[in-house]
PDB file of N, CA and C in Angstrom:
ATOM      1  N   MET A   1       2.132 -14.055  10.836  1.00  0.00           N
ATOM      2  CA  MET A   1       2.795 -12.853  10.365  1.00  0.00           C
ATOM      3  C   MET A   1       3.883 -13.252   9.364  1.00  0.00           C
ATOM      4  N   THR A   2       3.860 -12.616   8.229  1.00  0.00           N
ATOM      5  CA  THR A   2       4.892 -12.825   7.220  1.00  0.00           C
ATOM      6  C   THR A   2       5.982 -11.783   7.411  1.00  0.00           C
ATOM      7  N   THR A   3       7.211 -12.178   7.201  1.00  0.00           N
ATOM      8  CA  THR A   3       8.313 -11.215   7.234  1.00  0.00           C
ATOM      9  C   THR A   3       9.060 -11.280   5.911  1.00  0.00           C
ATOM     10  N   LYS A   4       9.593 -10.131   5.517  1.00  0.00           N
ATOM     11  CA  LYS A   4      10.428 -10.042   4.318  1.00  0.00           C
ATOM     12  C   LYS A   4      11.582  -9.110   4.627  1.00  0.00           C
ATOM     13  N   THR A   5      12.723  -9.411   4.055  1.00  0.00           N
ATOM     14  CA  THR A   5      13.849  -8.490   4.153  1.00  0.00           C
ATOM     15  C   THR A   5      13.648  -7.378   3.125  1.00  0.00           C
ATOM     16  N   VAL A   6      14.424  -6.339   3.235  1.00  0.00           N
ATOM     17  CA  VAL A   6      14.362  -5.255   2.255  1.00  0.00           C
ATOM     18  C   VAL A   6      14.654  -5.811   0.858  1.00  0.00           C
ATOM     19  N   GLU A   7      15.617  -6.704   0.767  1.00  0.00           N
ATOM     20  CA  GLU A   7      15.957  -7.305  -0.524  1.00  0.00           C
ATOM     21  C   GLU A   7      14.776  -8.096  -1.097  1.00  0.00           C
ATOM     22  N   GLU A   8      14.071  -8.824  -0.245  1.00  0.00           N
ATOM     23  CA  GLU A   8      12.894  -9.573  -0.701  1.00  0.00           C
ATOM     24  C   GLU A   8      11.787  -8.631  -1.162  1.00  0.00           C
ATOM     25  N   MET A   9      11.654  -7.504  -0.509  1.00  0.00           N
ATOM     26  CA  MET A   9      10.673  -6.499  -0.948  1.00  0.00           C
ATOM     27  C   MET A   9      11.056  -5.985  -2.334  1.00  0.00           C
ATOM     28  N   HIS A  10      12.334  -5.695  -2.539  1.00  0.00           N
ATOM     29  CA  HIS A  10      12.782  -5.223  -3.851  1.00  0.00           C
ATOM     30  C   HIS A  10      12.481  -6.250  -4.933  1.00  0.00           C
ATOM     31  N   GLU A  11      12.672  -7.521  -4.628  1.00  0.00           N
ATOM     32  CA  GLU A  11      12.363  -8.583  -5.592  1.00  0.00           C
ATOM     33  C   GLU A  11      10.863  -8.613  -5.908  1.00  0.00           C
ATOM     34  N   ALA A  12      10.035  -8.454  -4.885  1.00  0.00           N
ATOM     35  CA  ALA A  12       8.581  -8.440  -5.093  1.00  0.00           C
ATOM     36  C   ALA A  12       8.177  -7.248  -5.959  1.00  0.00           C
ATOM     37  N   PHE A  13       8.828  -6.110  -5.755  1.00  0.00           N
ATOM     38  CA  PHE A  13       8.535  -4.931  -6.579  1.00  0.00           C
ATOM     39  C   PHE A  13       8.966  -5.161  -8.026  1.00  0.00           C
ATOM     40  N   LYS A  14      10.143  -5.725  -8.217  1.00  0.00           N
ATOM     41  CA  LYS A  14      10.616  -6.016  -9.580  1.00  0.00           C
ATOM     42  C   LYS A  14       9.637  -6.932 -10.297  1.00  0.00           C
ATOM     43  N   ALA A  15       9.090  -7.900  -9.579  1.00  0.00           N
ATOM     44  CA  ALA A  15       8.148  -8.852 -10.173  1.00  0.00           C
ATOM     45  C   ALA A  15       6.869  -8.170 -10.655  1.00  0.00           C
ATOM     46  N   GLN A  16       6.514  -7.022 -10.058  1.00  0.00           N
ATOM     47  CA  GLN A  16       5.312  -6.313 -10.491  1.00  0.00           C
ATOM     48  C   GLN A  16       5.468  -5.780 -11.914  1.00  0.00           C
ATOM     49  N   GLY A  17       6.689  -5.447 -12.329  1.00  0.00           N
ATOM     50  CA  GLY A  17       6.927  -5.000 -13.694  1.00  0.00           C
ATOM     51  C   GLY A  17       6.318  -3.657 -14.041  1.00  0.00           C
ATOM     52  N   VAL A  18       6.232  -2.769 -13.060  1.00  0.00           N
ATOM     53  CA  VAL A  18       5.670  -1.437 -13.293  1.00  0.00           C
ATOM     54  C   VAL A  18       6.682  -0.382 -12.843  1.00  0.00           C
ATOM     55  N   PRO A  19       6.552   0.859 -13.343  1.00  0.00           N
ATOM     56  CA  PRO A  19       7.439   1.927 -12.887  1.00  0.00           C
ATOM     57  C   PRO A  19       7.249   2.214 -11.393  1.00  0.00           C
ATOM     58  N   ARG A  20       8.231   2.854 -10.811  1.00  0.00           N
ATOM     59  CA  ARG A  20       8.261   3.129  -9.364  1.00  0.00           C
ATOM     60  C   ARG A  20       6.959   3.732  -8.836  1.00  0.00           C
ATOM     61  N   GLU A  21       6.405   4.700  -9.545  1.00  0.00           N
ATOM     62  CA  GLU A  21       5.202   5.375  -9.049  1.00  0.00           C
ATOM     63  C   GLU A  21       3.975   4.468  -9.045  1.00  0.00           C
ATOM     64  N   HIS A  22       4.082   3.312  -9.704  1.00  0.00           N
ATOM     65  CA  HIS A  22       2.957   2.372  -9.761  1.00  0.00           C
ATOM     66  C   HIS A  22       3.182   1.103  -8.937  1.00  0.00           C
ATOM     67  N   LEU A  23       4.290   1.016  -8.188  1.00  0.00           N
ATOM     68  CA  LEU A  23       4.490  -0.131  -7.300  1.00  0.00           C
ATOM     69  C   LEU A  23       3.321  -0.180  -6.329  1.00  0.00           C
ATOM     70  N   ALA A  24       2.711  -1.334  -6.179  1.00  0.00           N
ATOM     71  CA  ALA A  24       1.422  -1.405  -5.491  1.00  0.00           C
ATOM     72  C   ALA A  24       1.449  -2.244  -4.217  1.00  0.00           C
ATOM     73  N   PHE A  25       0.630  -1.789  -3.271  1.00  0.00           N
ATOM     74  CA  PHE A  25       0.417  -2.450  -1.987  1.00  0.00           C
ATOM     75  C   PHE A  25      -1.079  -2.677  -1.812  1.00  0.00           C
ATOM     76  N   VAL A  26      -1.444  -3.538  -0.847  1.00  0.00           N
ATOM     77  CA  VAL A  26      -2.850  -3.828  -0.564  1.00  0.00           C
ATOM     78  C   VAL A  26      -3.134  -3.487   0.894  1.00  0.00           C
ATOM     79  N   CYS A  27      -4.134  -2.630   1.131  1.00  0.00           N
ATOM     80  CA  CYS A  27      -4.520  -2.273   2.498  1.00  0.00           C
ATOM     81  C   CYS A  27      -5.053  -3.518   3.212  1.00  0.00           C
ATOM     82  N   PRO A  28      -4.552  -3.824   4.410  1.00  0.00           N
ATOM     83  CA  PRO A  28      -5.008  -5.023   5.125  1.00  0.00           C
ATOM     84  C   PRO A  28      -6.430  -4.915   5.666  1.00  0.00           C
ATOM     85  N   MET A  29      -6.961  -3.702   5.758  1.00  0.00           N
ATOM     86  CA  MET A  29      -8.313  -3.541   6.305  1.00  0.00           C
ATOM     87  C   MET A  29      -9.396  -3.583   5.236  1.00  0.00           C
ATOM     88  N   CYS A  30      -9.168  -2.897   4.106  1.00  0.00           N
ATOM     89  CA  CYS A  30     -10.236  -2.803   3.108  1.00  0.00           C
ATOM     90  C   CYS A  30      -9.904  -3.504   1.797  1.00  0.00           C
ATOM     91  N   GLY A  31      -8.648  -3.911   1.622  1.00  0.00           N
ATOM     92  CA  GLY A  31      -8.267  -4.629   0.413  1.00  0.00           C
ATOM     93  C   GLY A  31      -7.996  -3.761  -0.797  1.00  0.00           C
ATOM     94  N   THR A  32      -7.972  -2.447  -0.621  1.00  0.00           N
ATOM     95  CA  THR A  32      -7.722  -1.553  -1.741  1.00  0.00           C
ATOM     96  C   THR A  32      -6.275  -1.657  -2.199  1.00  0.00           C
ATOM     97  N   VAL A  33      -6.095  -1.887  -3.496  1.00  0.00           N
ATOM     98  CA  VAL A  33      -4.766  -1.888  -4.098  1.00  0.00           C
ATOM     99  C   VAL A  33      -4.427  -0.432  -4.394  1.00  0.00           C
ATOM    100  N   GLN A  34      -3.228  -0.008  -3.986  1.00  0.00           N
ATOM    101  CA  GLN A  34      -2.852   1.399  -4.127  1.00  0.00           C
ATOM    102  C   GLN A  34      -1.367   1.557  -4.377  1.00  0.00           C
ATOM    103  N   SER A  35      -1.027   2.700  -4.972  1.00  0.00           N
ATOM    104  CA  SER A  35       0.354   2.997  -5.340  1.00  0.00           C
ATOM    105  C   SER A  35       0.641   4.458  -5.014  1.00  0.00           C
ATOM    106  N   CYS A  36       1.878   4.867  -5.232  1.00  0.00           N
ATOM    107  CA  CYS A  36       2.203   6.286  -5.055  1.00  0.00           C
ATOM    108  C   CYS A  36       1.337   7.132  -5.978  1.00  0.00           C
ATOM    109  N   GLN A  37       1.110   6.652  -7.210  1.00  0.00           N
ATOM    110  CA  GLN A  37       0.262   7.402  -8.141  1.00  0.00           C
ATOM    111  C   GLN A  37      -1.159   7.533  -7.593  1.00  0.00           C
ATOM    112  N   SER A  38      -1.664   6.507  -6.931  1.00  0.00           N
ATOM    113  CA  SER A  38      -2.993   6.580  -6.304  1.00  0.00           C
ATOM    114  C   SER A  38      -3.015   7.675  -5.249  1.00  0.00           C
ATOM    115  N   LEU A  39      -1.957   7.729  -4.433  1.00  0.00           N
ATOM    116  CA  LEU A  39      -1.876   8.743  -3.379  1.00  0.00           C
ATOM    117  C   LEU A  39      -1.764  10.142  -3.964  1.00  0.00           C
ATOM    118  N   ILE A  40      -1.010  10.298  -5.049  1.00  0.00           N
ATOM    119  CA  ILE A  40      -0.897  11.602  -5.705  1.00  0.00           C
ATOM    120  C   ILE A  40      -2.263  12.029  -6.226  1.00  0.00           C
ATOM    121  N   LYS A  41      -2.969  11.119  -6.907  1.00  0.00           N
ATOM    122  CA  LYS A  41      -4.310  11.437  -7.421  1.00  0.00           C
ATOM    123  C   LYS A  41      -5.277  11.806  -6.303  1.00  0.00           C
ATOM    124  N   ALA A  42      -5.089  11.221  -5.121  1.00  0.00           N
ATOM    125  CA  ALA A  42      -5.977  11.489  -3.980  1.00  0.00           C
ATOM    126  C   ALA A  42      -5.619  12.778  -3.247  1.00  0.00           C
ATOM    127  N   GLY A  43      -4.478  13.380  -3.588  1.00  0.00           N
ATOM    128  CA  GLY A  43      -4.097  14.641  -2.956  1.00  0.00           C
ATOM    129  C   GLY A  43      -3.153  14.524  -1.775  1.00  0.00           C
ATOM    130  N   ALA A  44      -2.527  13.367  -1.586  1.00  0.00           N
ATOM    131  CA  ALA A  44      -1.604  13.187  -0.457  1.00  0.00           C
ATOM    132  C   ALA A  44      -0.283  13.914  -0.674  1.00  0.00           C
ATOM    133  N   GLY A  45      -0.025  14.323  -1.888  1.00  0.00           N
ATOM    134  CA  GLY A  45       1.198  15.039  -2.249  1.00  0.00           C
ATOM    135  C   GLY A  45       1.250  15.171  -3.760  1.00  0.00           C
ATOM    136  N   ALA A  46       2.244  15.921  -4.243  1.00  0.00           N
ATOM    137  CA  ALA A  46       2.335  16.177  -5.679  1.00  0.00           C
ATOM    138  C   ALA A  46       3.350  15.290  -6.391  1.00  0.00           C
ATOM    139  N   THR A  47       4.249  14.675  -5.628  1.00  0.00           N
ATOM    140  CA  THR A  47       5.313  13.876  -6.231  1.00  0.00           C
ATOM    141  C   THR A  47       5.466  12.551  -5.483  1.00  0.00           C
ATOM    142  N   VAL A  48       6.160  11.629  -6.120  1.00  0.00           N
ATOM    143  CA  VAL A  48       6.448  10.348  -5.471  1.00  0.00           C
ATOM    144  C   VAL A  48       7.209  10.589  -4.174  1.00  0.00           C
ATOM    145  N   GLU A  49       8.153  11.509  -4.215  1.00  0.00           N
ATOM    146  CA  GLU A  49       8.949  11.798  -3.020  1.00  0.00           C
ATOM    147  C   GLU A  49       8.080  12.298  -1.864  1.00  0.00           C
ATOM    148  N   GLU A  50       7.037  13.040  -2.167  1.00  0.00           N
ATOM    149  CA  GLU A  50       6.148  13.561  -1.119  1.00  0.00           C
ATOM    150  C   GLU A  50       5.231  12.491  -0.537  1.00  0.00           C
ATOM    151  N   VAL A  51       4.873  11.490  -1.320  1.00  0.00           N
ATOM    152  CA  VAL A  51       3.907  10.488  -0.840  1.00  0.00           C
ATOM    153  C   VAL A  51       4.532   9.161  -0.429  1.00  0.00           C
ATOM    154  N   GLU A  52       5.813   8.955  -0.732  1.00  0.00           N
ATOM    155  CA  GLU A  52       6.394   7.639  -0.439  1.00  0.00           C
ATOM    156  C   GLU A  52       6.415   7.311   1.044  1.00  0.00           C
ATOM    157  N   LYS A  53       6.325   8.316   1.906  1.00  0.00           N
ATOM    158  CA  LYS A  53       6.271   8.045   3.354  1.00  0.00           C
ATOM    159  C   LYS A  53       4.933   7.425   3.762  1.00  0.00           C
ATOM    160  N   PHE A  54       3.918   7.550   2.908  1.00  0.00           N
ATOM    161  CA  PHE A  54       2.593   7.009   3.210  1.00  0.00           C
ATOM    162  C   PHE A  54       2.347   5.636   2.586  1.00  0.00           C
ATOM    163  N   ILE A  55       3.009   5.355   1.456  1.00  0.00           N
ATOM    164  CA  ILE A  55       2.694   4.135   0.713  1.00  0.00           C
ATOM    165  C   ILE A  55       3.039   2.889   1.531  1.00  0.00           C
ATOM    166  N   GLY A  56       2.107   1.964   1.561  1.00  0.00           N
ATOM    167  CA  GLY A  56       2.311   0.737   2.323  1.00  0.00           C
ATOM    168  C   GLY A  56       2.119   0.904   3.813  1.00  0.00           C
ATOM    169  N   PHE A  57       1.652   2.084   4.229  1.00  0.00           N
ATOM    170  CA  PHE A  57       1.489   2.370   5.658  1.00  0.00           C
ATOM    171  C   PHE A  57       0.141   3.022   5.967  1.00  0.00           C
ATOM    172  N   SER A  58      -0.328   3.906   5.084  1.00  0.00           N
ATOM    173  CA  SER A  58      -1.613   4.595   5.267  1.00  0.00           C
ATOM    174  C   SER A  58      -2.463   4.387   4.025  1.00  0.00           C
ATOM    175  N   CYS A  59      -3.712   4.021   4.217  1.00  0.00           N
ATOM    176  CA  CYS A  59      -4.601   3.763   3.090  1.00  0.00           C
ATOM    177  C   CYS A  59      -4.954   5.059   2.362  1.00  0.00           C
ATOM    178  N   VAL A  60      -5.089   4.950   1.051  1.00  0.00           N
ATOM    179  CA  VAL A  60      -5.428   6.083   0.196  1.00  0.00           C
ATOM    180  C   VAL A  60      -6.741   6.743   0.631  1.00  0.00           C
ATOM    181  N   GLY A  61      -7.621   5.998   1.264  1.00  0.00           N
ATOM    182  CA  GLY A  61      -8.894   6.545   1.726  1.00  0.00           C
ATOM    183  C   GLY A  61      -8.761   7.648   2.759  1.00  0.00           C
ATOM    184  N   ARG A  62      -7.604   7.773   3.399  1.00  0.00           N
ATOM    185  CA  ARG A  62      -7.375   8.868   4.349  1.00  0.00           C
ATOM    186  C   ARG A  62      -7.448  10.213   3.638  1.00  0.00           C
ATOM    187  N   TRP A  63      -7.144  10.240   2.340  1.00  0.00           N
ATOM    188  CA  TRP A  63      -7.154  11.490   1.581  1.00  0.00           C
ATOM    189  C   TRP A  63      -8.405  11.637   0.733  1.00  0.00           C
ATOM    190  N   THR A  64      -9.169  10.572   0.561  1.00  0.00           N
ATOM    191  CA  THR A  64     -10.410  10.664  -0.205  1.00  0.00           C
ATOM    192  C   THR A  64     -11.621  10.742   0.713  1.00  0.00           C
ATOM    193  N   LYS A  65     -11.358  10.770   2.009  1.00  0.00           N
ATOM    194  CA  LYS A  65     -12.405  10.831   3.036  1.00  0.00           C
ATOM    195  C   LYS A  65     -13.346   9.623   2.944  1.00  0.00           C
ATOM    196  N   ALA A  66     -12.761   8.464   2.693  1.00  0.00           N
ATOM    197  CA  ALA A  66     -13.547   7.235   2.545  1.00  0.00           C
ATOM    198  C   ALA A  66     -14.137   6.749   3.861  1.00  0.00           C
ATOM    199  N   GLY A  67     -13.534   7.119   4.977  1.00  0.00           N
ATOM    200  CA  GLY A  67     -14.043   6.674   6.268  1.00  0.00           C
ATOM    201  C   GLY A  67     -13.587   5.273   6.611  1.00  0.00           C
ATOM    202  N   PRO A  68     -14.119   4.732   7.716  1.00  0.00           N
ATOM    203  CA  PRO A  68     -13.708   3.391   8.136  1.00  0.00           C
ATOM    204  C   PRO A  68     -14.237   2.329   7.180  1.00  0.00           C
ATOM    205  N   PRO A  69     -13.582   1.186   7.154  1.00  0.00           N
ATOM    206  CA  PRO A  69     -14.030   0.123   6.257  1.00  0.00           C
ATOM    207  C   PRO A  69     -15.284  -0.560   6.783  1.00  0.00           C
ATOM    208  N   PRO A  70     -16.461  -0.310   6.171  1.00  0.00           N
ATOM    209  CA  PRO A  70     -17.687  -0.945   6.647  1.00  0.00           C
ATOM    210  C   PRO A  70     -17.682  -2.434   6.339  1.00  0.00           C
ATOM    211  N   GLY A  71     -17.659  -3.238   7.362  1.00  0.00           N
ATOM    212  CA  GLY A  71     -17.688  -4.678   7.179  1.00  0.00           C
ATOM    213  C   GLY A  71     -16.455  -5.247   6.498  1.00  0.00           C
ATOM    214  N   ARG A  72     -15.449  -4.442   6.339  1.00  0.00           N
ATOM    215  CA  ARG A  72     -14.176  -4.847   5.738  1.00  0.00           C
ATOM    216  C   ARG A  72     -14.351  -5.590   4.411  1.00  0.00           C
ATOM    217  N   PRO A  73     -14.982  -4.950   3.402  1.00  0.00           N
ATOM    218  CA  PRO A  73     -15.122  -5.614   2.104  1.00  0.00           C
ATOM    219  C   PRO A  73     -13.775  -5.669   1.397  1.00  0.00           C
ATOM    220  N   LYS A  74     -13.187  -6.837   1.294  1.00  0.00           N
ATOM    221  CA  LYS A  74     -11.825  -6.930   0.772  1.00  0.00           C
ATOM    222  C   LYS A  74     -11.748  -7.237  -0.721  1.00  0.00           C
ATOM    223  N   GLU A  75     -12.847  -7.317  -1.412  1.00  0.00           N
ATOM    224  CA  GLU A  75     -12.775  -7.622  -2.834  1.00  0.00           C
ATOM    225  C   GLU A  75     -13.256  -6.439  -3.658  1.00  0.00           C
ATOM    226  N   ASN A  76     -12.461  -6.075  -4.656  1.00  0.00           N
ATOM    227  CA  ASN A  76     -12.807  -5.022  -5.610  1.00  0.00           C
ATOM    228  C   ASN A  76     -13.033  -3.665  -4.970  1.00  0.00           C
ATOM    229  N   ASN A  77     -12.398  -3.404  -3.866  1.00  0.00           N
ATOM    230  CA  ASN A  77     -12.530  -2.102  -3.230  1.00  0.00           C
ATOM    231  C   ASN A  77     -11.545  -1.144  -3.877  1.00  0.00           C
ATOM    232  N   THR A  78     -12.034  -0.019  -4.377  1.00  0.00           N
ATOM    233  CA  THR A  78     -11.155   0.987  -4.971  1.00  0.00           C
ATOM    234  C   THR A  78     -11.262   2.320  -4.256  1.00  0.00           C
ATOM    235  N   LYS A  79     -12.084   2.406  -3.220  1.00  0.00           N
ATOM    236  CA  LYS A  79     -12.276   3.661  -2.502  1.00  0.00           C
ATOM    237  C   LYS A  79     -11.281   3.846  -1.368  1.00  0.00           C
ATOM    238  N   GLY A  80     -10.848   2.763  -0.772  1.00  0.00           N
ATOM    239  CA  GLY A  80      -9.957   2.867   0.372  1.00  0.00           C
ATOM    240  C   GLY A  80     -10.718   3.070   1.664  1.00  0.00           C
ATOM    241  N   CYS A  81      -9.954   3.239   2.743  1.00  0.00           N
ATOM    242  CA  CYS A  81     -10.520   3.480   4.064  1.00  0.00           C
ATOM    243  C   CYS A  81      -9.578   4.437   4.794  1.00  0.00           C
ATOM    244  N   ASN A  82      -9.844   4.717   6.028  1.00  0.00           N
ATOM    245  CA  ASN A  82      -9.004   5.677   6.757  1.00  0.00           C
ATOM    246  C   ASN A  82      -7.951   4.993   7.626  1.00  0.00           C
ATOM    247  N   TRP A  83      -7.606   3.754   7.336  1.00  0.00           N
ATOM    248  CA  TRP A  83      -6.695   2.981   8.174  1.00  0.00           C
ATOM    249  C   TRP A  83      -5.243   3.380   7.967  1.00  0.00           C
ATOM    250  N   THR A  84      -4.490   3.317   9.059  1.00  0.00           N
ATOM    251  CA  THR A  84      -3.044   3.489   9.012  1.00  0.00           C
ATOM    252  C   THR A  84      -2.414   2.483   9.964  1.00  0.00           C
ATOM    253  N   LEU A  85      -1.195   2.101   9.696  1.00  0.00           N
ATOM    254  CA  LEU A  85      -0.512   1.152  10.569  1.00  0.00           C
ATOM    255  C   LEU A  85       0.120   1.835  11.771  1.00  0.00           C
ATOM    256  N   GLY A  86      -0.066   3.135  11.904  1.00  0.00           N
ATOM    257  CA  GLY A  86       0.523   3.860  13.024  1.00  0.00           C
ATOM    258  C   GLY A  86      -0.367   3.942  14.243  1.00  0.00           C
ATOM    259  N   GLY A  87      -1.491   3.257  14.240  1.00  0.00           N
ATOM    260  CA  GLY A  87      -2.433   3.341  15.347  1.00  0.00           C
ATOM    261  C   GLY A  87      -2.219   2.274  16.404  1.00  0.00           C
ATOM    262  N   LEU A  88      -3.134   2.257  17.343  1.00  0.00           N
ATOM    263  CA  LEU A  88      -3.078   1.332  18.469  1.00  0.00           C
ATOM    264  C   LEU A  88      -3.270  -0.123  18.031  1.00  0.00           C
ATOM    265  N   PHE A  89      -4.209  -0.344  17.113  1.00  0.00           N
ATOM    266  CA  PHE A  89      -4.519  -1.706  16.683  1.00  0.00           C
ATOM    267  C   PHE A  89      -3.578  -2.141  15.572  1.00  0.00           C
ATOM    268  N   GLN A  90      -3.068  -3.325  15.688  1.00  0.00           N
ATOM    269  CA  GLN A  90      -2.133  -3.872  14.706  1.00  0.00           C
ATOM    270  C   GLN A  90      -2.858  -4.904  13.847  1.00  0.00           C
ATOM    271  N   CYS A  91      -3.105  -4.575  12.601  1.00  0.00           N
ATOM    272  CA  CYS A  91      -3.828  -5.496  11.718  1.00  0.00           C
ATOM    273  C   CYS A  91      -2.966  -5.969  10.557  1.00  0.00           C
ATOM    274  N   HIS A  92      -1.739  -5.512  10.486  1.00  0.00           N
ATOM    275  CA  HIS A  92      -0.899  -5.853   9.337  1.00  0.00           C
ATOM    276  C   HIS A  92      -0.507  -7.329   9.346  1.00  0.00           C
ATOM    277  N   LYS A  93      -0.221  -7.823   8.148  1.00  0.00           N
ATOM    278  CA  LYS A  93       0.166  -9.221   7.980  1.00  0.00           C
ATOM    279  C   LYS A  93       1.616  -9.349   7.539  1.00  0.00           C
ATOM    280  N   LEU A  94       2.274  -8.211   7.311  1.00  0.00           N
ATOM    281  CA  LEU A  94       3.642  -8.216   6.805  1.00  0.00           C
ATOM    282  C   LEU A  94       4.508  -7.271   7.621  1.00  0.00           C
ATOM    283  N   GLU A  95       5.692  -7.735   7.960  1.00  0.00           N
ATOM    284  CA  GLU A  95       6.700  -6.873   8.570  1.00  0.00           C
ATOM    285  C   GLU A  95       7.965  -6.973   7.735  1.00  0.00           C
ATOM    286  N   VAL A  96       8.559  -5.807   7.472  1.00  0.00           N
ATOM    287  CA  VAL A  96       9.804  -5.741   6.718  1.00  0.00           C
ATOM    288  C   VAL A  96      10.943  -5.638   7.721  1.00  0.00           C
ATOM    289  N   ILE A  97      11.914  -6.517   7.568  1.00  0.00           N
ATOM    290  CA  ILE A  97      13.067  -6.505   8.465  1.00  0.00           C
ATOM    291  C   ILE A  97      14.147  -5.639   7.829  1.00  0.00           C
ATOM    292  N   THR A  98      14.481  -4.546   8.498  1.00  0.00           N
ATOM    293  CA  THR A  98      15.475  -3.610   7.985  1.00  0.00           C
ATOM    294  C   THR A  98      16.882  -4.174   8.196  1.00  0.00           C
ATOM    295  N   PRO A  99      17.874  -3.611   7.526  1.00  0.00           N
ATOM    296  CA  PRO A  99      19.244  -4.118   7.679  1.00  0.00           C
ATOM    297  C   PRO A  99      19.743  -4.132   9.125  1.00  0.00           C
ATOM    298  N   ASP A 100      19.214  -3.235   9.963  1.00  0.00           N
ATOM    299  CA  ASP A 100      19.641  -3.220  11.372  1.00  0.00           C
ATOM    300  C   ASP A 100      18.796  -4.149  12.247  1.00  0.00           C
ATOM    301  N   GLY A 101      17.912  -4.955  11.613  1.00  0.00           N
ATOM    302  CA  GLY A 101      17.140  -5.955  12.340  1.00  0.00           C
ATOM    303  C   GLY A 101      15.807  -5.490  12.884  1.00  0.00           C
ATOM    304  N   LYS A 102      15.450  -4.233  12.670  1.00  0.00           N
ATOM    305  CA  LYS A 102      14.154  -3.740  13.150  1.00  0.00           C
ATOM    306  C   LYS A 102      13.045  -4.246  12.236  1.00  0.00           C
ATOM    307  N   ARG A 103      11.861  -4.398  12.820  1.00  0.00           N
ATOM    308  CA  ARG A 103      10.681  -4.846  12.073  1.00  0.00           C
ATOM    309  C   ARG A 103       9.754  -3.652  11.853  1.00  0.00           C
ATOM    310  N   GLN A 104       9.430  -3.407  10.600  1.00  0.00           N
ATOM    311  CA  GLN A 104       8.548  -2.311  10.235  1.00  0.00           C
ATOM    312  C   GLN A 104       7.250  -2.884   9.674  1.00  0.00           C
ATOM    313  N   PRO A 105       6.090  -2.496  10.231  1.00  0.00           N
ATOM    314  CA  PRO A 105       4.832  -2.978   9.666  1.00  0.00           C
ATOM    315  C   PRO A 105       4.641  -2.428   8.256  1.00  0.00           C
ATOM    316  N   SER A 106       3.997  -3.212   7.415  1.00  0.00           N
ATOM    317  CA  SER A 106       3.763  -2.792   6.037  1.00  0.00           C
ATOM    318  C   SER A 106       2.496  -3.440   5.502  1.00  0.00           C
ATOM    319  N   PHE A 107       1.844  -2.740   4.563  1.00  0.00           N
ATOM    320  CA  PHE A 107       0.792  -3.372   3.788  1.00  0.00           C
ATOM    321  C   PHE A 107       1.468  -4.465   2.961  1.00  0.00           C
ATOM    322  N   GLU A 108       0.721  -5.473   2.567  1.00  0.00           N
ATOM    323  CA  GLU A 108       1.275  -6.524   1.720  1.00  0.00           C
ATOM    324  C   GLU A 108       1.525  -5.980   0.314  1.00  0.00           C
ATOM    325  N   VAL A 109       2.508  -6.547  -0.341  1.00  0.00           N
ATOM    326  CA  VAL A 109       2.818  -6.167  -1.712  1.00  0.00           C
ATOM    327  C   VAL A 109       1.764  -6.787  -2.626  1.00  0.00           C
ATOM    328  N   ALA A 110       1.242  -5.980  -3.546  1.00  0.00           N
ATOM    329  CA  ALA A 110       0.241  -6.475  -4.489  1.00  0.00           C
ATOM    330  C   ALA A 110       0.874  -7.472  -5.461  1.00  0.00           C
ATOM    331  N   THR A 111       0.049  -8.303  -6.048  1.00  0.00           N
ATOM    332  CA  THR A 111       0.535  -9.235  -7.066  1.00  0.00           C
ATOM    333  C   THR A 111       0.895  -8.449  -8.327  1.00  0.00           C
ATOM    334  N   PRO A 112       1.702  -9.033  -9.202  1.00  0.00           N
ATOM    335  CA  PRO A 112       1.997  -8.353 -10.464  1.00  0.00           C
ATOM    336  C   PRO A 112       0.730  -7.998 -11.250  1.00  0.00           C
ATOM    337  N   ASP A 113      -0.242  -8.891 -11.292  1.00  0.00           N
ATOM    338  CA  ASP A 113      -1.493  -8.594 -12.003  1.00  0.00           C
ATOM    339  C   ASP A 113      -2.222  -7.414 -11.373  1.00  0.00           C
ATOM    340  N   GLN A 114      -2.284  -7.387 -10.051  1.00  0.00           N
ATOM    341  CA  GLN A 114      -2.942  -6.269  -9.368  1.00  0.00           C
ATOM    342  C   GLN A 114      -2.222  -4.954  -9.666  1.00  0.00           C
ATOM    343  N   ALA A 115      -0.902  -4.964  -9.646  1.00  0.00           N
ATOM    344  CA  ALA A 115      -0.126  -3.746  -9.897  1.00  0.00           C
ATOM    345  C   ALA A 115      -0.344  -3.240 -11.320  1.00  0.00           C
ATOM    346  N   ARG A 116      -0.342  -4.132 -12.287  1.00  0.00           N
ATOM    347  CA  ARG A 116      -0.532  -3.721 -13.682  1.00  0.00           C
ATOM    348  C   ARG A 116      -1.954  -3.213 -13.920  1.00  0.00           C
ATOM    349  N   GLU A 117      -2.922  -3.867 -13.303  1.00  0.00           N
ATOM    350  CA  GLU A 117      -4.313  -3.421 -13.430  1.00  0.00           C
ATOM    351  C   GLU A 117      -4.483  -2.024 -12.836  1.00  0.00           C
ATOM    352  N   LEU A 118      -3.881  -1.789 -11.678  1.00  0.00           N
ATOM    353  CA  LEU A 118      -3.962  -0.470 -11.044  1.00  0.00           C
ATOM    354  C   LEU A 118      -3.281   0.583 -11.908  1.00  0.00           C
ATOM    355  N   ARG A 119      -2.130   0.257 -12.485  1.00  0.00           N
ATOM    356  CA  ARG A 119      -1.435   1.210 -13.360  1.00  0.00           C
ATOM    357  C   ARG A 119      -2.350   1.629 -14.503  1.00  0.00           C
ATOM    358  N   GLU A 120      -3.062   0.692 -15.096  1.00  0.00           N
ATOM    359  CA  GLU A 120      -3.982   1.017 -16.193  1.00  0.00           C
ATOM    360  C   GLU A 120      -5.096   1.949 -15.721  1.00  0.00           C
ATOM    361  N   ARG A 121      -5.616   1.717 -14.525  1.00  0.00           N
ATOM    362  CA  ARG A 121      -6.677   2.584 -13.980  1.00  0.00           C
ATOM    363  C   ARG A 121      -6.156   3.974 -13.651  1.00  0.00           C
ATOM    364  N   ASN A 122      -4.878   4.085 -13.299  1.00  0.00           N
ATOM    365  CA  ASN A 122      -4.309   5.369 -12.875  1.00  0.00           C
ATOM    366  C   ASN A 122      -3.689   6.175 -14.008  1.00  0.00           C
ATOM    367  N   LYS A 123      -3.838   5.728 -15.240  1.00  0.00           N
ATOM    368  CA  LYS A 123      -3.263   6.476 -16.370  1.00  0.00           C
ATOM    369  C   LYS A 123      -4.001   7.759 -16.602  1.00  0.00           C
TER     370      LYS A 123
END
C-alpha cells in the first residue's frame, strides 16, 4: 500500500500540468484514466464542484453503465467499470493521509502523460 500526504497529492497534481477539471486518476480495477471532466461528460454532475466528491473514489463507468470489469483489462480501457472504493472489498493501492492523520482510500494519481492525453480526448 502506498501512502501520500495531502501535500504530496498536490505535488503530483501540479506535475500533471493540466487544469483542475483535467486532474486525472486511474481506477484500480479497470485501469481507466479519468478526471472531473470525464465524470461531467458521463453525467455524474454538471460542474467540477458537483463531481469532485466522486473523483478518485468511484469509476466513471458507474455513470456510463459499463458494468463490472470483465477480466480486469487494465490497458487502454476508456469505458470504465462500476467500481467504487466505498464497498466491502478493498482494492485500492493508495491511501491519502489527511492532516488529522486519517487514511482515505484513493485511486492512484495518473502520470503527467496520461493526464495530458486524457485532456486531449476530453476536449
